Amino acid sequence: MWLYLLAFLGGVLTIVSPCILPVLPLVFSRADQPFRRSGLPLLLGMAGTFALVASVATYAGGWIVQANQIGRWIAMAVFAVFGLALLFPKVAQYLTFPLVRLGARVEGSAGPEAPGVGRSVLLGVSTGLLWAPCAGPILGLILAGAALEGPSTRTTLLLLAFSAGAALSLALALMAGGRVFALMKRSLAAEVWIRRGLGVAVLVGVIAIGLGWDTGILRRISLASTSGIEQSLVDRIRPATAGASQAPASAPKEMALANEGSFPGLDGAEGWLNSPPLTAAGLKGKVVLIDFWTYSCINCLRAIPYVEAWAQKYKDDGLVVIGVHTPEFAFEKDPANVRKAIGDLKISYPVAIDSRYAIWNAFHNQYWPAHYFVDAEGTIRYHHFGEGHYDESEMVIQQLLRERNEGLKASGLVQINASGSQAAPDFSNVRSPETYLGYLRQRNYASMESVARDRPQTYTGPVQLSTNQWGLAGSWSVGGEQASLVKAPGKVVFRFHARDLHLVLGPGADGKPIRFKVRIDGATPGPDHGADVDEAGTGVVTEYRLYQLVRQKGAIQDRTFEIEFLDPGVQAFAFTFG
């Protein structure tokens, strides 16, 4: 329920979002008409169409993007004719071109009768095809859920809640605008000029959408931004509703462990590594730690040394550690990639491959990493989301083992001194968030060109970046999960504040190595280079994984990171920091 409320509030906030500006003239063109027969059907058509198209897109994949582009052009043609009809109603009555006739009928000025509901719904459908709301934290959360867990009825309902919130805020504005419009209409001259002004506004809106200003320039020049408000709402509600790499822990008080439900089992795993298949029945009498992880997640990587140490320390005392590898990105579904990652990370405990999210959904899990502690009777007694609080987690293991065997004398806690990307983060200096380059969860993008979805486009690198903004330069094709370099060279730039900077990268379909060069504030990184870069800033992408590109040795401050790829084909997925 909280997530639906969050989606609804995100929609309400779109009224002050820059990406609503191009469709406002299309909505307010009906301000002089009765709200029930004109404004309300228009908004219902807009909300329903947006939710339908966005939902179908999660099912249908790339082809729906092209279909929706055709729908957008048709909708723009309808509104262009509608705008001309508002400007020149007499001309619209005599033109015989079919689209102009359609525009005149939609505009409804041919007769004195009350506006038709059907015409308003048609305008609403067209507006829904044109509307491309900014993918802020809330909408990004909804689309990310669809990308991760697959399309579902819940995704459609969340999109409906989002569009209903947008319709409500627009309805309030439209009713207020209607009253103002009625006051100004008292003279015929005023009505004529208002109609002409609306016609111009509609045509400007169509031009803005056609040129991509609705998702590009307007996003940067708008005085109003809802990202901060949305992120605050997400942060307040997320622990109970949404997936994330990190989440606050709820450490047990005086080890008073609760009954959190029965162990749902491990059915649905597509395969097992380091072990034959394990079952809940076969694990009865053992204390079980379930670790949900994925191998490109920096938070998971930093937790693994502790999980491995627990597995080794307590394996003879009755503890069974099971890693459940549930992928975030498509390349993590490849069992060969998972097998190699397990070898590289020196994981010895059993790992279930959960690429279809069967075990994830059975636990109703939402986080990477997530640890569930199961007692010897098969009851979940404790959980921890995110990294950190390792001492408390180990104390839970010890307590559950003592419940199983009163004679157990477990004492002391493991001490880990990991290196590379698995080293403990410097959270006191992390002021940059996990940032995705794919359009489904994209935010803080700052290149001048708006993102062209699933097709090549040349991008211009930002001249100046604010903290946590990023951009592309060169020829890239931006997909839902990643940005792929079409022609070399190409760059990604990011203004960040953290000790460590990581980027999830892959070599592309042909698997050929991709050379790259890293710069910090325009210079080679020197001693601030990461584990996958030398002091000169050179490195090679050879496999799909997380690459550590920066580890600063001195004082932490805002820095501008730049990575230039010298070969085509690289896929860039997400920045993470530590």
Protein backbone atom coordinates (compact mmCIF):
# COMPACT_ATOMS: atom_id res chain seq x y z
CA MET A 1 0.00 0.00 0.00
CA TRP A 2 2.81 2.39 0.83
CA LEU A 3 4.36 1.93 -2.60
CA TYR A 4 1.07 2.79 -4.31
CA LEU A 5 0.82 5.94 -2.19
CA LEU A 6 4.40 6.79 -3.11
CA ALA A 7 3.61 6.34 -6.81
CA PHE A 8 0.52 8.53 -6.47
CA LEU A 9 2.49 11.30 -4.73
CA GLY A 10 5.16 11.09 -7.42
CA GLY A 11 2.46 11.70 -10.02
CA VAL A 12 1.05 14.66 -8.07
CA LEU A 13 4.51 16.25 -8.02
CA THR A 14 4.74 16.20 -11.82
CA ILE A 15 2.77 19.47 -11.95
CA VAL A 16 5.96 21.29 -10.92
CA SER A 17 8.26 19.07 -12.96
CA PRO A 18 9.84 20.53 -16.12
CA CYS A 19 8.75 17.58 -18.24
CA ILE A 20 5.07 18.48 -17.77
CA LEU A 21 5.55 21.87 -19.45
CA PRO A 22 5.12 20.77 -23.10
CA VAL A 23 1.71 19.14 -22.47
CA LEU A 24 0.30 21.95 -20.28
CA PRO A 25 -0.88 23.98 -23.32
CA LEU A 26 -2.63 20.86 -24.64
CA VAL A 27 -4.47 20.42 -21.35
CA PHE A 28 -5.29 24.09 -20.80
CA SER A 29 -6.63 24.41 -24.33
CA ARG A 30 -9.85 22.94 -22.82
CA ALA A 31 -9.98 25.40 -19.91
CA ASP A 32 -12.96 27.20 -21.45
CA GLN A 33 -15.04 24.01 -21.60
CA PRO A 34 -17.14 22.32 -18.85
CA PHE A 35 -14.79 20.24 -16.72
CA ARG A 36 -16.97 17.12 -16.53
CA ARG A 37 -17.48 16.82 -20.27
CA SER A 38 -14.12 18.13 -21.42
CA GLY A 39 -11.31 18.43 -18.87
CA LEU A 40 -12.08 15.25 -16.91
CA PRO A 41 -12.34 12.92 -19.95
CA LEU A 42 -9.16 14.46 -21.35
CA LEU A 43 -7.22 13.78 -18.15
CA LEU A 44 -8.64 10.26 -17.84
CA GLY A 45 -7.61 9.53 -21.42
CA MET A 46 -4.15 10.93 -20.78
CA ALA A 47 -3.61 8.97 -17.54
CA GLY A 48 -4.97 5.71 -18.94
CA THR A 49 -2.96 5.93 -22.16
CA PHE A 50 0.30 6.68 -20.37
CA ALA A 51 -0.20 3.78 -17.93
CA LEU A 52 -1.18 1.42 -20.77
CA VAL A 53 1.75 2.32 -23.03
CA ALA A 54 4.26 2.19 -20.17
CA SER A 55 2.88 -1.18 -19.01
CA VAL A 56 2.92 -2.70 -22.50
CA ALA A 57 6.49 -1.47 -22.90
CA THR A 58 7.58 -3.58 -19.92
CA TYR A 59 6.13 -6.66 -21.64
CA ALA A 60 6.89 -6.05 -25.26
CA GLY A 61 10.49 -4.87 -25.20
CA GLY A 62 12.18 -2.75 -27.84
CA TRP A 63 9.57 -2.92 -30.59
CA ILE A 64 7.03 -1.02 -28.52
CA VAL A 65 9.42 1.92 -28.37
CA GLN A 66 9.19 2.24 -32.14
CA ALA A 67 5.42 1.77 -32.07
CA ASN A 68 5.07 4.43 -29.41
CA GLN A 69 7.19 6.83 -31.50
CA ILE A 70 4.71 6.39 -34.36
CA GLY A 71 1.87 7.08 -31.95
CA ARG A 72 3.67 10.22 -30.73
CA TRP A 73 4.01 11.56 -34.28
CA ILE A 74 0.34 10.87 -34.99
CA ALA A 75 -0.60 12.60 -31.74
CA MET A 76 1.57 15.58 -32.63
CA ALA A 77 -0.13 15.83 -36.01
CA VAL A 78 -3.54 15.83 -34.32
CA PHE A 79 -2.51 18.56 -31.92
CA ALA A 80 -0.86 20.61 -34.66
CA VAL A 81 -4.14 20.63 -36.56
CA PHE A 82 -5.98 21.38 -33.33
CA GLY A 83 -3.69 24.35 -32.66
CA LEU A 84 -4.25 25.68 -36.18
CA ALA A 85 -7.99 25.31 -35.70
CA LEU A 86 -7.76 27.40 -32.53
CA LEU A 87 -5.82 30.07 -34.40
CA PHE A 88 -7.92 30.04 -37.58
CA PRO A 89 -11.35 28.47 -36.86
CA LYS A 90 -12.89 29.83 -40.08
CA VAL A 91 -10.12 28.34 -42.17
CA ALA A 92 -10.55 25.01 -40.38
CA GLN A 93 -14.21 24.86 -41.44
CA TYR A 94 -13.39 25.00 -45.17
CA LEU A 95 -10.19 23.00 -45.48
CA THR A 96 -10.81 19.56 -46.90
CA PHE A 97 -7.53 17.93 -45.91
CA PRO A 98 -8.50 14.97 -43.65
CA LEU A 99 -6.26 15.87 -40.76
CA VAL A 100 -7.52 19.44 -40.73
CA ARG A 101 -11.08 18.17 -40.68
CA LEU A 102 -10.13 15.90 -37.81
CA GLY A 103 -8.57 18.84 -36.01
CA ALA A 104 -11.68 20.95 -36.50
CA ARG A 105 -13.90 18.15 -35.19
CA VAL A 106 -11.62 17.54 -32.19
CA GLU A 107 -11.52 21.25 -31.45
CA GLY A 108 -15.31 21.23 -31.42
CA SER A 109 -15.83 24.76 -32.71
CA ALA A 110 -18.07 23.89 -35.63
CA GLY A 111 -21.23 24.34 -33.63
CA PRO A 112 -22.59 25.82 -30.42
CA GLU A 113 -23.29 22.44 -28.83
CA ALA A 114 -21.53 21.34 -25.66
CA PRO A 115 -18.17 19.66 -26.25
CA GLY A 116 -18.33 15.94 -26.76
CA VAL A 117 -16.83 13.56 -24.23
CA GLY A 118 -15.40 11.44 -27.05
CA ARG A 119 -13.49 14.37 -28.51
CA SER A 120 -11.98 15.15 -25.13
CA VAL A 121 -10.99 11.51 -24.60
CA LEU A 122 -9.31 11.54 -28.03
CA LEU A 123 -7.30 14.58 -27.01
CA GLY A 124 -6.43 12.86 -23.75
CA VAL A 125 -5.22 9.75 -25.57
CA SER A 126 -3.05 11.94 -27.80
CA THR A 127 -1.67 13.77 -24.77
CA GLY A 128 -0.88 10.45 -23.08
CA LEU A 129 1.11 9.38 -26.16
CA LEU A 130 3.04 12.65 -26.11
CA TRP A 131 3.74 12.82 -22.40
CA ALA A 132 7.22 11.64 -21.37
CA PRO A 133 7.47 12.35 -17.63
CA CYS A 134 10.90 12.88 -16.10
CA ALA A 135 12.15 9.57 -14.70
CA GLY A 136 12.73 10.86 -11.19
CA PRO A 137 13.41 8.62 -8.20
CA ILE A 138 9.78 7.50 -7.84
CA LEU A 139 9.02 6.69 -11.48
CA GLY A 140 12.51 5.19 -11.77
CA LEU A 141 11.71 2.95 -8.80
CA ILE A 142 8.56 1.65 -10.51
CA LEU A 143 10.29 1.02 -13.84
CA ALA A 144 13.27 -0.58 -12.08
CA GLY A 145 10.94 -3.02 -10.34
CA ALA A 146 9.45 -4.00 -13.69
CA ALA A 147 12.92 -4.45 -15.16
CA LEU A 148 14.18 -6.55 -12.26
CA GLU A 149 11.19 -8.74 -11.39
CA GLY A 150 9.49 -8.76 -14.76
CA PRO A 151 6.24 -7.09 -15.80
CA SER A 152 3.23 -7.72 -13.61
CA THR A 153 -0.21 -6.50 -12.64
CA ARG A 154 1.43 -4.63 -9.76
CA THR A 155 3.58 -2.65 -12.22
CA THR A 156 0.48 -1.63 -14.16
CA LEU A 157 -1.34 -0.60 -10.98
CA LEU A 158 1.68 1.42 -9.83
CA LEU A 159 1.81 3.21 -13.18
CA LEU A 160 -1.93 3.88 -12.92
CA ALA A 161 -1.39 5.33 -9.42
CA PHE A 162 1.39 7.54 -10.78
CA SER A 163 -0.71 8.78 -13.70
CA ALA A 164 -3.74 9.27 -11.42
CA GLY A 165 -1.66 11.54 -9.21
CA ALA A 166 -0.56 13.54 -12.25
CA ALA A 167 -4.19 13.76 -13.45
CA LEU A 168 -5.33 15.01 -10.04
CA SER A 169 -2.80 17.84 -9.91
CA LEU A 170 -3.60 18.80 -13.50
CA ALA A 171 -7.33 18.68 -12.74
CA LEU A 172 -6.94 21.11 -9.85
CA ALA A 173 -4.89 23.42 -12.02
CA LEU A 174 -7.37 23.09 -14.90
CA MET A 175 -10.36 23.93 -12.70
CA ALA A 176 -8.54 26.95 -11.33
CA GLY A 177 -7.54 27.93 -14.85
CA GLY A 178 -11.13 27.54 -16.02
CA ARG A 179 -12.33 30.11 -13.50
CA VAL A 180 -9.66 32.56 -14.63
CA PHE A 181 -10.56 31.86 -18.22
CA ALA A 182 -14.26 32.55 -17.54
CA LEU A 183 -13.45 35.91 -15.98
CA MET A 184 -11.32 36.92 -18.96
CA LYS A 185 -13.96 35.79 -21.49
CA ARG A 186 -16.45 38.50 -20.59
CA SER A 187 -15.60 40.41 -23.72
CA LEU A 188 -15.63 38.85 -27.18
CA ALA A 189 -12.27 40.40 -28.04
CA ALA A 190 -10.71 38.80 -25.00
CA GLU A 191 -12.10 35.40 -26.00
CA VAL A 192 -10.65 35.68 -29.50
CA TRP A 193 -7.21 36.57 -28.20
CA ILE A 194 -7.37 33.84 -25.57
CA ARG A 195 -8.22 31.28 -28.26
CA ARG A 196 -5.36 32.51 -30.42
CA GLY A 197 -2.99 32.48 -27.47
CA LEU A 198 -3.98 28.90 -26.68
CA GLY A 199 -3.49 27.95 -30.32
CA VAL A 200 0.02 29.39 -30.29
CA ALA A 201 0.74 27.64 -26.98
CA VAL A 202 -0.45 24.29 -28.38
CA LEU A 203 1.74 24.67 -31.47
CA VAL A 204 4.75 25.63 -29.34
CA GLY A 205 4.10 22.57 -27.18
CA VAL A 206 4.02 20.31 -30.25
CA ILE A 207 7.28 21.83 -31.53
CA ALA A 208 8.91 21.40 -28.11
CA ILE A 209 7.94 17.73 -28.00
CA GLY A 210 9.01 17.16 -31.59
CA LEU A 211 12.46 18.63 -30.91
CA GLY A 212 12.91 16.67 -27.69
CA TRP A 213 12.80 19.73 -25.42
CA ASP A 214 10.37 17.89 -23.16
CA THR A 215 13.13 15.56 -21.95
CA GLY A 216 16.24 17.57 -22.75
CA ILE A 217 16.61 21.33 -22.49
CA LEU A 218 13.51 21.89 -20.35
CA ARG A 219 14.84 19.52 -17.73
CA ARG A 220 17.92 21.71 -17.29
CA ILE A 221 16.41 25.21 -17.53
CA SER A 222 13.35 24.61 -15.37
CA LEU A 223 13.24 26.54 -12.11
CA ALA A 224 11.26 23.76 -10.44
CA SER A 225 12.63 20.31 -9.71
CA THR A 226 10.99 17.55 -7.71
CA SER A 227 13.94 15.15 -7.52
CA GLY A 228 14.90 16.18 -4.00
CA ILE A 229 11.34 15.88 -2.72
CA GLU A 230 10.83 12.54 -4.47
CA GLN A 231 14.11 11.12 -3.16
CA SER A 232 13.12 12.16 0.37
CA LEU A 233 9.82 10.30 -0.01
CA VAL A 234 11.57 7.24 -1.42
CA ASP A 235 14.10 7.22 1.41
CA ARG A 236 11.31 7.39 4.00
CA ILE A 237 9.24 4.58 2.51
CA ARG A 238 11.87 2.43 0.77
CA PRO A 239 12.86 0.16 3.71
CA ALA A 240 9.42 -1.40 3.66
CA THR A 241 8.73 -1.40 -0.04
CA ALA A 242 11.53 -1.08 -2.55
CA GLY A 243 14.73 -2.70 -3.72
CA ALA A 244 18.07 -1.04 -3.02
CA SER A 245 21.73 -1.78 -2.59
CA GLN A 246 21.72 -0.41 0.93
CA ALA A 247 19.08 -0.18 3.63
CA PRO A 248 19.06 0.64 7.31
CA ALA A 249 19.47 -2.28 9.64
CA SER A 250 17.21 -3.19 12.52
CA ALA A 251 19.69 -4.77 14.92
CA PRO A 252 18.20 -6.98 17.62
CA LYS A 253 17.81 -5.51 21.07
CA GLU A 254 19.55 -7.68 23.64
CA MET A 255 19.38 -10.52 21.11
CA ALA A 256 15.61 -10.82 21.51
CA LEU A 257 15.06 -12.60 18.21
CA ALA A 258 11.54 -12.69 16.83
CA ASN A 259 9.62 -15.24 14.78
CA GLU A 260 9.65 -13.78 11.24
CA GLY A 261 7.93 -16.70 9.54
CA SER A 262 8.84 -20.09 8.16
CA PHE A 263 11.77 -20.73 5.86
CA PRO A 264 10.07 -20.72 2.41
CA GLY A 265 12.62 -23.08 0.89
CA LEU A 266 14.82 -22.94 -2.17
CA ASP A 267 12.53 -24.23 -4.91
CA GLY A 268 12.92 -22.61 -8.30
CA ALA A 269 16.70 -22.38 -8.43
CA GLU A 270 17.96 -22.80 -12.01
CA GLY A 271 21.15 -24.46 -10.84
CA TRP A 272 23.59 -24.86 -7.99
CA LEU A 273 27.29 -24.11 -7.69
CA ASN A 274 29.65 -25.57 -5.06
CA SER A 275 26.92 -28.00 -3.98
CA PRO A 276 24.15 -30.34 -5.14
CA PRO A 277 20.65 -28.87 -4.79
CA LEU A 278 19.63 -28.13 -1.20
CA THR A 279 16.10 -28.22 0.23
CA ALA A 280 14.40 -26.87 3.32
CA ALA A 281 13.67 -30.41 4.51
CA GLY A 282 17.29 -31.44 4.09
CA LEU A 283 18.48 -28.41 6.06
CA LYS A 284 16.24 -29.11 9.07
CA GLY A 285 18.32 -29.18 12.21
CA LYS A 286 20.90 -26.77 10.77
CA VAL A 287 21.21 -23.03 11.31
CA VAL A 288 20.99 -21.45 7.85
CA LEU A 289 22.19 -18.08 6.60
CA ILE A 290 20.66 -17.05 3.28
CA ASP A 291 22.65 -14.33 1.48
CA PHE A 292 20.92 -12.65 -1.49
CA TRP A 293 23.60 -11.11 -3.70
CA THR A 294 24.60 -10.35 -7.25
CA TYR A 295 28.17 -10.20 -8.43
CA SER A 296 28.28 -6.64 -9.83
CA CYS A 297 26.77 -5.10 -6.66
CA ILE A 298 29.46 -3.23 -4.72
CA ASN A 299 27.58 -3.59 -1.42
CA CYS A 300 27.37 -7.35 -1.95
CA LEU A 301 31.06 -7.56 -2.81
CA ARG A 302 32.04 -5.80 0.41
CA ALA A 303 29.86 -8.14 2.50
CA ILE A 304 31.12 -11.39 0.94
CA PRO A 305 34.40 -11.61 2.93
CA TYR A 306 32.37 -11.64 6.16
CA VAL A 307 29.90 -14.22 4.84
CA GLU A 308 32.75 -16.46 3.69
CA ALA A 309 34.50 -16.08 7.06
CA TRP A 310 31.32 -17.08 8.91
CA ALA A 311 30.87 -20.10 6.64
CA GLN A 312 34.38 -21.31 7.43
CA LYS A 313 34.32 -20.52 11.17
CA TYR A 314 30.98 -22.13 12.01
CA LYS A 315 30.59 -24.92 9.43
CA ASP A 316 31.49 -27.59 12.01
CA ASP A 317 29.08 -26.07 14.56
CA GLY A 318 25.97 -26.52 12.44
CA LEU A 319 25.88 -23.41 10.24
CA VAL A 320 25.07 -23.69 6.52
CA VAL A 321 25.62 -20.56 4.44
CA ILE A 322 23.76 -20.39 1.12
CA GLY A 323 24.30 -17.63 -1.39
CA VAL A 324 21.30 -16.89 -3.60
CA HIS A 325 22.55 -15.14 -6.74
CA THR A 326 19.66 -13.03 -8.03
CA PRO A 327 20.79 -10.86 -10.97
CA GLU A 328 20.30 -7.14 -11.36
CA PHE A 329 21.52 -6.91 -14.97
CA ALA A 330 20.95 -9.28 -17.89
CA PHE A 331 24.61 -10.35 -18.13
CA GLU A 332 24.42 -11.63 -14.54
CA LYS A 333 21.94 -14.29 -15.66
CA ASP A 334 24.69 -16.17 -17.52
CA PRO A 335 25.71 -19.13 -15.31
CA ALA A 336 29.24 -19.02 -16.76
CA ASN A 337 29.63 -15.41 -15.58
CA VAL A 338 28.36 -16.34 -12.12
CA ARG A 339 30.67 -19.37 -11.95
CA LYS A 340 33.70 -17.23 -12.82
CA ALA A 341 32.71 -14.57 -10.27
CA ILE A 342 32.45 -17.23 -7.55
CA GLY A 343 35.94 -18.43 -8.41
CA ASP A 344 37.38 -14.89 -8.49
CA LEU A 345 35.77 -14.06 -5.14
CA LYS A 346 36.90 -17.39 -3.61
CA ILE A 347 33.40 -18.28 -2.43
CA SER A 348 33.33 -21.81 -1.02
CA TYR A 349 29.74 -22.10 0.24
CA PRO A 350 26.77 -23.30 -1.90
CA VAL A 351 25.27 -20.81 -4.33
CA ALA A 352 21.80 -21.12 -5.87
CA ILE A 353 21.30 -19.47 -9.27
CA ASP A 354 18.03 -17.54 -8.99
CA SER A 355 17.84 -15.80 -12.37
CA ARG A 356 14.03 -16.02 -12.49
CA TYR A 357 13.64 -14.49 -9.01
CA ALA A 358 11.82 -17.57 -7.69
CA ILE A 359 13.62 -17.66 -4.33
CA TRP A 360 13.75 -13.85 -4.15
CA ASN A 361 9.97 -13.66 -4.49
CA ALA A 362 9.41 -16.54 -2.05
CA PHE A 363 11.23 -14.50 0.59
CA HIS A 364 9.48 -11.28 -0.54
CA ASN A 365 12.97 -9.83 -0.67
CA GLN A 366 13.74 -6.34 -1.99
CA TYR A 367 17.44 -5.78 -1.30
CA TRP A 368 21.02 -6.56 -2.31
CA PRO A 369 22.61 -7.76 -0.12
CA ALA A 370 20.01 -9.27 2.21
CA HIS A 371 20.76 -11.76 4.98
CA TYR A 372 18.09 -14.03 6.48
CA PHE A 373 18.95 -16.10 9.56
CA VAL A 374 17.02 -19.37 9.95
CA ASP A 375 17.09 -21.42 13.15
CA ALA A 376 17.37 -25.20 13.42
CA GLU A 377 13.57 -25.54 13.49
CA GLY A 378 13.18 -23.82 10.10
CA THR A 379 12.00 -20.42 11.39
CA ILE A 380 13.40 -17.11 10.17
CA ARG A 381 14.53 -15.34 13.33
CA TYR A 382 16.35 -12.26 12.05
CA HIS A 383 17.21 -10.39 8.88
CA HIS A 384 19.60 -7.63 7.86
CA PHE A 385 19.44 -5.55 4.69
CA GLY A 386 22.51 -3.88 3.20
CA GLU A 387 26.12 -4.07 4.25
CA GLY A 388 27.49 -3.30 7.69
CA HIS A 389 26.42 -4.35 11.22
CA TYR A 390 28.56 -7.46 10.83
CA ASP A 391 29.16 -7.86 14.56
CA GLU A 392 25.43 -8.01 15.27
CA SER A 393 24.92 -10.52 12.47
CA GLU A 394 27.64 -12.81 13.80
CA MET A 395 26.18 -12.57 17.30
CA VAL A 396 22.85 -13.75 15.85
CA ILE A 397 24.63 -16.75 14.30
CA GLN A 398 26.20 -17.59 17.62
CA GLN A 399 22.91 -17.32 19.47
CA LEU A 400 21.06 -19.56 17.02
CA LEU A 401 23.87 -22.11 17.21
CA ARG A 402 23.68 -22.06 21.02
CA GLU A 403 19.92 -22.63 20.80
CA ARG A 404 20.71 -25.68 18.69
CA ASN A 405 23.52 -26.88 20.98
CA GLU A 406 23.68 -25.50 24.50
CA GLY A 407 27.22 -26.77 24.90
CA LEU A 408 28.56 -24.61 22.07
CA LYS A 409 31.23 -22.19 23.21
CA ALA A 410 31.52 -19.81 20.31
CA SER A 411 33.39 -16.65 21.20
CA GLY A 412 35.03 -13.78 19.45
CA LEU A 413 34.11 -12.17 16.14
CA VAL A 414 35.80 -12.44 12.76
CA GLN A 415 38.13 -9.64 11.74
CA ILE A 416 38.27 -8.81 8.04
CA ASN A 417 40.82 -6.68 6.22
CA ALA A 418 39.69 -6.83 2.61
CA SER A 419 41.38 -5.08 -0.30
CA GLY A 420 40.41 -3.72 -3.69
CA SER A 421 36.70 -3.28 -4.34
CA GLN A 422 35.89 -5.43 -1.30
CA ALA A 423 37.59 -3.03 1.12
CA ALA A 424 35.34 -1.28 3.63
CA PRO A 425 33.87 2.00 2.30
CA ASP A 426 34.46 5.46 3.71
CA PHE A 427 30.79 6.28 4.28
CA SER A 428 31.62 9.59 5.98
CA ASN A 429 32.76 10.91 2.60
CA VAL A 430 30.26 9.24 0.27
CA ARG A 431 28.02 11.98 -1.11
CA SER A 432 27.39 10.49 -4.53
CA PRO A 433 24.54 8.00 -5.07
CA GLU A 434 24.45 4.85 -7.14
CA THR A 435 23.76 6.13 -10.66
CA TYR A 436 22.45 4.11 -13.62
CA LEU A 437 23.24 4.94 -17.24
CA GLY A 438 20.28 3.05 -18.73
CA TYR A 439 17.15 5.12 -19.24
CA LEU A 440 14.94 3.00 -16.97
CA ARG A 441 16.61 4.31 -13.80
CA GLN A 442 18.52 7.25 -15.14
CA ARG A 443 18.87 10.49 -13.17
CA ASN A 444 21.17 13.52 -13.03
CA TYR A 445 21.96 13.16 -16.75
CA ALA A 446 23.37 16.47 -18.05
CA SER A 447 24.42 16.20 -21.72
CA MET A 448 22.69 18.75 -23.95
CA GLU A 449 20.98 16.14 -26.14
CA SER A 450 17.98 14.31 -24.72
CA VAL A 451 18.42 10.55 -24.52
CA ALA A 452 17.46 8.66 -27.67
CA ARG A 453 16.12 5.36 -26.44
CA ASP A 454 17.48 2.18 -28.01
CA ARG A 455 19.03 3.87 -31.04
CA PRO A 456 22.40 5.46 -31.85
CA GLN A 457 22.87 9.16 -31.29
CA THR A 458 25.82 11.52 -31.03
CA TYR A 459 26.11 13.20 -27.62
CA THR A 460 28.00 16.30 -26.58
CA GLY A 461 29.79 16.21 -23.24
CA PRO A 462 28.57 18.76 -20.67
CA VAL A 463 30.68 21.92 -20.47
CA GLN A 464 30.20 22.16 -16.72
CA LEU A 465 28.88 19.65 -14.22
CA SER A 466 27.37 20.10 -10.79
CA THR A 467 28.06 17.47 -8.15
CA ASN A 468 26.49 14.10 -9.07
CA GLN A 469 25.69 15.13 -12.63
CA TRP A 470 27.03 13.06 -15.50
CA GLY A 471 26.97 12.98 -19.27
CA LEU A 472 27.96 11.19 -22.46
CA ALA A 473 30.18 12.29 -25.34
CA GLY A 474 30.43 10.50 -28.66
CA SER A 475 28.16 8.04 -30.46
CA TRP A 476 26.16 5.95 -27.96
CA SER A 477 23.03 3.82 -27.96
CA VAL A 478 21.26 4.07 -24.59
CA GLY A 479 19.17 1.06 -23.60
CA GLY A 480 17.03 0.37 -20.57
CA GLU A 481 19.96 -1.04 -18.56
CA GLN A 482 23.09 0.36 -20.18
CA ALA A 483 24.75 2.78 -22.57
CA SER A 484 26.63 1.09 -25.45
CA LEU A 485 29.37 2.82 -27.43
CA VAL A 486 28.61 2.67 -31.15
CA LYS A 487 31.79 4.31 -32.48
CA ALA A 488 35.11 4.99 -30.77
CA PRO A 489 36.21 7.12 -29.12
CA GLY A 490 33.49 7.86 -26.59
CA LYS A 491 33.44 9.30 -23.09
CA VAL A 492 31.46 9.22 -19.86
CA VAL A 493 32.01 12.05 -17.36
CA PHE A 494 30.81 12.29 -13.74
CA ARG A 495 31.24 14.94 -11.04
CA PHE A 496 31.48 12.92 -7.82
CA HIS A 497 32.32 13.13 -4.12
CA ALA A 498 33.63 9.88 -2.62
CA ARG A 499 36.86 8.04 -1.91
CA ASP A 500 36.15 5.25 -4.40
CA LEU A 501 34.46 5.27 -7.80
CA HIS A 502 33.35 2.06 -9.49
CA LEU A 503 31.67 1.48 -12.84
CA VAL A 504 29.93 -1.71 -13.99
CA LEU A 505 31.21 -2.43 -17.51
CA GLY A 506 31.11 -5.15 -20.14
CA PRO A 507 32.98 -5.71 -23.43
CA GLY A 508 29.89 -6.00 -25.63
CA ALA A 509 28.48 -8.83 -27.72
CA ASP A 510 31.71 -9.87 -29.44
CA GLY A 511 33.63 -10.07 -26.16
CA LYS A 512 36.68 -8.25 -27.56
CA PRO A 513 38.75 -6.31 -24.99
CA ILE A 514 37.96 -2.60 -24.76
CA ARG A 515 40.80 -0.19 -23.96
CA PHE A 516 40.08 2.87 -21.86
CA LYS A 517 41.77 5.89 -20.30
CA VAL A 518 40.75 7.48 -16.97
CA ARG A 519 41.33 11.10 -15.96
CA ILE A 520 40.54 12.94 -12.74
CA ASP A 521 40.11 16.70 -13.09
CA GLY A 522 41.69 16.41 -16.52
CA ALA A 523 44.88 14.69 -15.33
CA THR A 524 46.07 11.10 -14.97
CA PRO A 525 45.00 9.58 -11.63
CA GLY A 526 48.52 8.84 -10.34
CA PRO A 527 48.30 7.42 -6.81
CA ASP A 528 44.51 7.85 -6.83
CA HIS A 529 44.03 5.08 -9.39
CA GLY A 530 41.71 2.17 -8.63
CA ALA A 531 42.48 -1.54 -8.64
CA ASP A 532 41.57 -1.87 -12.34
CA VAL A 533 43.60 1.14 -13.54
CA ASP A 534 47.31 1.97 -13.49
CA GLU A 535 48.81 5.30 -12.46
CA ALA A 536 48.64 6.52 -16.06
CA GLY A 537 44.89 5.84 -16.04
CA THR A 538 44.94 3.02 -18.60
CA GLY A 539 42.88 -0.13 -18.30
CA VAL A 540 41.03 -2.79 -20.29
CA VAL A 541 37.46 -4.09 -20.09
CA THR A 542 37.69 -7.85 -20.56
CA GLU A 543 34.55 -9.17 -18.86
CA TYR A 544 31.21 -8.12 -17.41
CA ARG A 545 31.81 -6.98 -13.84
CA LEU A 546 32.35 -4.03 -11.53
CA TYR A 547 35.60 -2.13 -12.18
CA GLN A 548 37.25 -0.02 -9.48
CA LEU A 549 38.55 3.05 -11.30
CA VAL A 550 39.34 5.54 -8.51
CA ARG A 551 40.60 5.16 -4.94
CA GLN A 552 41.72 8.51 -3.57
CA LYS A 553 44.59 8.60 -1.10
CA GLY A 554 44.30 12.21 0.09
CA ALA A 555 41.54 14.56 1.21
CA ILE A 556 38.17 13.82 -0.35
CA GLN A 557 36.54 16.61 -2.34
CA ASP A 558 34.40 17.10 -5.44
CA ARG A 559 36.27 15.73 -8.46
CA THR A 560 35.45 15.36 -12.15
CA PHE A 561 35.91 11.82 -13.41
CA GLU A 562 36.30 11.05 -17.10
CA ILE A 563 36.65 7.70 -18.81
CA GLU A 564 37.42 7.57 -22.54
CA PHE A 565 36.90 4.29 -24.39
CA LEU A 566 39.28 3.76 -27.30
CA ASP A 567 37.40 0.84 -28.86
CA PRO A 568 33.69 0.51 -29.75
CA GLY A 569 31.22 -1.90 -28.19
CA VAL A 570 31.68 -1.25 -24.47
CA GLN A 571 28.55 -1.38 -22.31
CA ALA A 572 28.39 0.90 -19.24
CA PHE A 573 25.73 0.09 -16.64
CA ALA A 574 26.05 1.89 -13.30
CA PHE A 575 28.33 4.01 -11.10
CA THR A 576 28.77 3.08 -7.45
CA PHE A 577 30.84 4.73 -4.74
CA GLY A 578 32.58 3.93 -1.48
